[in-house]
Amino acid sequence: MNQYTGECVVSTAITATGTVVKVEGEVDLLTVPPVETQVNALIDAAPEQVLVDLTGVRFFGSAGLAMLVSAKRRAASRGVRLGVIADHRAVVRPLEMGGLLDHFDLHPTPESAGCPVSR
């Protein structure tokens, strides 16, 4: 499933090891709602693991950070592991500056998260 909104495209893929939400473009106050909706819906389905792939994100604002924190809490309350896939400054730096790096299971690629997804 793909959803385009402004400067953000959200798609999902189900693999043998979990569900991946791939986000491309900019994640800010205007574009975070469809990302959050998709992530929450997948967490609510209670798979073993949900991965949020942010490797295609070129801007990640405070609304994105808040969405990840909220998703982490939601996932924990449902017994779902939440991982983040990111390998570049646009995403890793805001996580670092927000003191959140240690709060997320961070992977540089889908493959390193045990979730081979075609790019």
Protein backbone atom coordinates (compact mmCIF):
# COMPACT_ATOMS: atom_id res chain seq x y z
CA MET A 1 0.00 0.00 0.00
CA ASN A 2 1.32 3.46 -0.92
CA GLN A 3 0.03 6.78 0.32
CA TYR A 4 1.33 10.14 -0.94
CA THR A 5 0.80 13.28 1.01
CA GLY A 6 2.69 16.45 0.24
CA GLU A 7 6.39 15.66 0.39
CA CYS A 8 6.00 12.26 2.03
CA VAL A 9 5.30 8.79 0.61
CA VAL A 10 4.40 5.94 2.97
CA SER A 11 4.34 2.28 1.92
CA THR A 12 4.17 -1.00 3.78
CA ALA A 13 5.52 -4.48 3.21
CA ILE A 14 4.98 -7.66 5.18
CA THR A 15 7.93 -10.02 5.41
CA ALA A 16 8.62 -13.30 7.17
CA THR A 17 10.24 -11.46 10.07
CA GLY A 18 7.96 -8.46 10.50
CA THR A 19 6.16 -5.55 8.95
CA VAL A 20 8.02 -2.64 7.39
CA VAL A 21 6.71 0.91 7.02
CA LYS A 22 8.88 2.67 4.44
CA VAL A 23 8.81 6.45 4.56
CA GLU A 24 10.29 8.65 1.85
CA GLY A 25 10.55 12.43 1.66
CA GLU A 26 10.02 14.88 4.50
CA VAL A 27 8.55 14.07 7.91
CA ASP A 28 7.24 17.20 9.59
CA LEU A 29 4.10 18.55 11.23
CA LEU A 30 2.16 18.47 7.95
CA THR A 31 3.26 15.04 6.75
CA VAL A 32 3.48 13.03 9.97
CA PRO A 33 -0.26 12.17 10.36
CA PRO A 34 -0.40 9.51 7.60
CA VAL A 35 2.90 8.03 8.80
CA GLU A 36 1.58 7.84 12.35
CA THR A 37 -1.73 6.36 11.19
CA GLN A 38 0.04 3.63 9.22
CA VAL A 39 2.53 2.81 11.99
CA ASN A 40 -0.23 2.68 14.63
CA ALA A 41 -2.44 0.45 12.48
CA LEU A 42 0.40 -2.00 12.01
CA ILE A 43 1.29 -1.99 15.70
CA ASP A 44 -2.37 -2.59 16.57
CA ALA A 45 -2.35 -5.69 14.34
CA ALA A 46 0.22 -7.02 16.85
CA PRO A 47 2.88 -8.58 14.65
CA GLU A 48 6.08 -9.66 16.38
CA GLN A 49 7.97 -6.69 14.96
CA VAL A 50 7.32 -3.40 13.14
CA LEU A 51 10.21 -1.66 11.41
CA VAL A 52 10.02 2.00 10.40
CA ASP A 53 12.35 2.42 7.42
CA LEU A 54 13.48 6.05 7.27
CA THR A 55 16.36 5.56 4.82
CA GLY A 56 14.45 7.54 2.19
CA VAL A 57 13.73 10.51 4.47
CA ARG A 58 15.56 13.74 3.67
CA PHE A 59 14.09 15.83 6.55
CA PHE A 60 12.99 14.54 9.96
CA GLY A 61 11.49 17.17 12.25
CA SER A 62 10.33 17.20 15.85
CA ALA A 63 6.90 15.89 14.84
CA GLY A 64 8.64 12.78 13.52
CA LEU A 65 10.50 12.36 16.80
CA ALA A 66 7.26 12.68 18.76
CA MET A 67 5.60 10.13 16.45
CA LEU A 68 8.41 7.61 17.04
CA VAL A 69 8.25 8.07 20.83
CA SER A 70 4.47 7.58 20.77
CA ALA A 71 4.81 4.52 18.52
CA LYS A 72 7.45 3.04 20.83
CA ARG A 73 5.09 3.36 23.81
CA ARG A 74 2.18 1.92 21.83
CA ALA A 75 4.29 -1.00 20.63
CA ALA A 76 5.58 -1.74 24.13
CA SER A 77 2.04 -1.80 25.52
CA ARG A 78 1.07 -4.40 22.90
CA GLY A 79 4.20 -6.55 23.14
CA VAL A 80 5.42 -5.52 19.67
CA ARG A 81 9.08 -4.79 18.97
CA LEU A 82 9.59 -1.48 17.18
CA GLY A 83 12.75 -0.91 15.18
CA VAL A 84 13.98 2.05 13.17
CA ILE A 85 16.01 1.76 9.99
CA ALA A 86 18.11 4.86 9.35
CA ASP A 87 21.68 5.41 8.27
CA HIS A 88 22.02 9.09 7.50
CA ARG A 89 22.33 12.43 9.23
CA ALA A 90 18.85 13.73 8.34
CA VAL A 91 17.33 11.16 10.71
CA VAL A 92 20.12 10.02 13.03
CA ARG A 93 21.11 13.56 14.06
CA PRO A 94 17.63 14.57 15.32
CA LEU A 95 17.44 11.27 17.25
CA GLU A 96 20.85 11.99 18.74
CA MET A 97 20.07 15.62 19.60
CA GLY A 98 16.78 14.55 21.18
CA GLY A 99 18.59 12.02 23.38
CA LEU A 100 16.62 9.21 21.75
CA LEU A 101 19.28 7.05 20.10
CA ASP A 102 19.41 4.65 23.05
CA HIS A 103 15.61 4.33 23.13
CA PHE A 104 15.28 2.72 19.71
CA ASP A 105 16.52 -0.45 18.10
CA LEU A 106 18.36 1.35 15.28
CA HIS A 107 19.55 -0.46 12.13
CA PRO A 108 21.40 0.97 9.11
CA THR A 109 19.58 -1.26 6.56
CA PRO A 110 16.52 -3.51 6.39
CA GLU A 111 18.87 -6.46 5.94
CA SER A 112 20.73 -5.65 9.16
CA ALA A 113 17.35 -5.66 10.93
CA GLY A 114 16.78 -9.19 9.60
CA CYS A 115 14.15 -7.97 7.19
CA PRO A 116 15.25 -8.14 3.54
CA VAL A 117 12.96 -5.79 1.62
CA SER A 118 13.52 -4.70 -1.95
CA ARG A 119 14.31 -1.02 -2.33
